[in-house]
Protein backbone atom coordinates (compact mmCIF):
# COMPACT_ATOMS: atom_id res chain seq x y z
CA MET A 1 -81.37 -12.72 14.02
CA LYS A 2 -79.21 -15.83 13.87
CA ALA A 3 -80.65 -19.26 13.10
CA ILE A 4 -79.62 -22.30 14.83
CA GLU A 5 -80.89 -25.64 13.75
CA THR A 6 -81.14 -28.62 16.05
CA THR A 7 -83.55 -31.53 16.84
CA GLY A 8 -85.80 -32.35 19.88
CA LYS A 9 -88.79 -33.94 20.86
CA ILE A 10 -92.28 -32.83 22.27
CA ASP A 11 -93.13 -34.57 25.69
CA ASP A 12 -96.65 -35.48 26.89
CA ARG A 13 -97.05 -31.93 28.29
CA GLY A 14 -96.41 -30.13 25.07
CA GLN A 15 -92.83 -29.09 26.19
CA LEU A 16 -90.07 -28.83 23.73
CA LEU A 17 -86.96 -30.99 24.73
CA LEU A 18 -83.95 -30.58 22.71
CA ASP A 19 -81.66 -33.38 22.10
CA ARG A 20 -78.57 -31.53 23.08
CA PRO A 21 -78.11 -27.84 24.79
CA LEU A 22 -77.52 -25.03 22.62
CA ASP A 23 -74.12 -23.43 22.51
CA ILE A 24 -75.42 -19.71 22.99
CA ALA A 25 -75.02 -17.24 25.85
CA ASN A 26 -76.62 -13.91 26.92
CA TYR A 27 -79.99 -14.63 25.19
CA ASN A 28 -83.03 -14.60 27.34
CA ARG A 29 -85.80 -15.15 24.65
CA VAL A 30 -85.90 -17.00 21.44
CA ARG A 31 -88.19 -17.51 18.51
CA ILE A 32 -88.84 -21.17 17.87
CA ILE A 33 -90.20 -22.70 14.58
CA VAL A 34 -91.54 -26.17 14.81
CA LEU A 35 -91.35 -28.55 11.88
CA VAL A 36 -93.43 -31.57 12.73
CA PRO A 37 -93.17 -34.31 9.74
CA GLU A 38 -96.18 -35.52 7.94
CA GLU A 39 -96.69 -39.19 7.97
CA THR A 40 -95.14 -39.01 4.17
CA ASP A 41 -92.09 -37.20 5.23
CA ILE A 42 -90.93 -39.84 7.61
CA ASN A 43 -87.79 -41.60 6.29
CA PRO A 44 -87.29 -45.02 7.82
CA ASP A 45 -83.68 -44.70 7.22
CA ASP A 46 -83.60 -41.51 9.59
CA ASP A 47 -82.65 -43.30 12.95
CA PRO A 48 -82.75 -41.07 16.08
CA ILE A 49 -79.44 -39.85 17.19
CA GLU A 50 -79.51 -42.09 20.28
CA THR A 51 -79.63 -45.05 18.01
CA VAL A 52 -76.75 -44.04 15.82
CA ILE A 53 -74.55 -43.27 18.78
CA GLU A 54 -75.47 -46.58 20.37
CA GLY A 55 -74.55 -48.39 17.15
CA ILE A 56 -71.06 -46.54 16.85
CA GLN A 57 -70.24 -47.38 20.63
CA GLN A 58 -71.24 -51.29 19.73
CA GLY A 59 -68.94 -51.05 16.75
CA PHE A 60 -66.11 -49.37 18.74
CA HIS A 61 -66.29 -51.95 21.34
CA GLU A 62 -66.33 -54.79 18.83
CA ALA A 63 -63.36 -53.52 17.13
CA ILE A 64 -61.17 -52.82 20.39
CA THR A 65 -62.13 -56.31 21.60
CA GLY A 66 -61.27 -58.03 18.35
CA GLN A 67 -64.88 -59.09 17.39
CA THR A 68 -64.23 -58.26 13.86
CA LEU A 69 -64.26 -60.18 10.20
CA PRO A 70 -61.67 -59.62 7.38
CA LEU A 71 -63.10 -57.52 4.78
CA SER A 72 -62.57 -59.93 2.28
CA GLN A 73 -65.11 -62.18 4.13
CA LEU A 74 -67.79 -59.55 4.32
CA TRP A 75 -67.75 -59.36 0.40
CA GLU A 76 -68.24 -63.10 0.04
CA GLY A 77 -71.58 -63.68 -1.50
CA ILE A 78 -72.54 -59.71 -2.32
CA ASP A 79 -73.28 -60.56 -5.98
CA ASP A 80 -75.25 -63.82 -5.22
CA ASN A 81 -78.90 -63.48 -6.53
């Protein structure tokens, strides 16, 4: 048996919705193990993939349209407490 790890959501009907299609062929049935995070397992630094992609797209847009700051300016005040 081959294992593939991916992410997804459970909708209001209890159906599993994958974040992206699986790249497999000729498989009619699969076995699913669903790992549901406990409240203590939730990491506030784990952003959903959609949020990460939107941030990357926004950053790319800002870069190609010249909406950037010099690196030296980004470090200004970093050591101020």
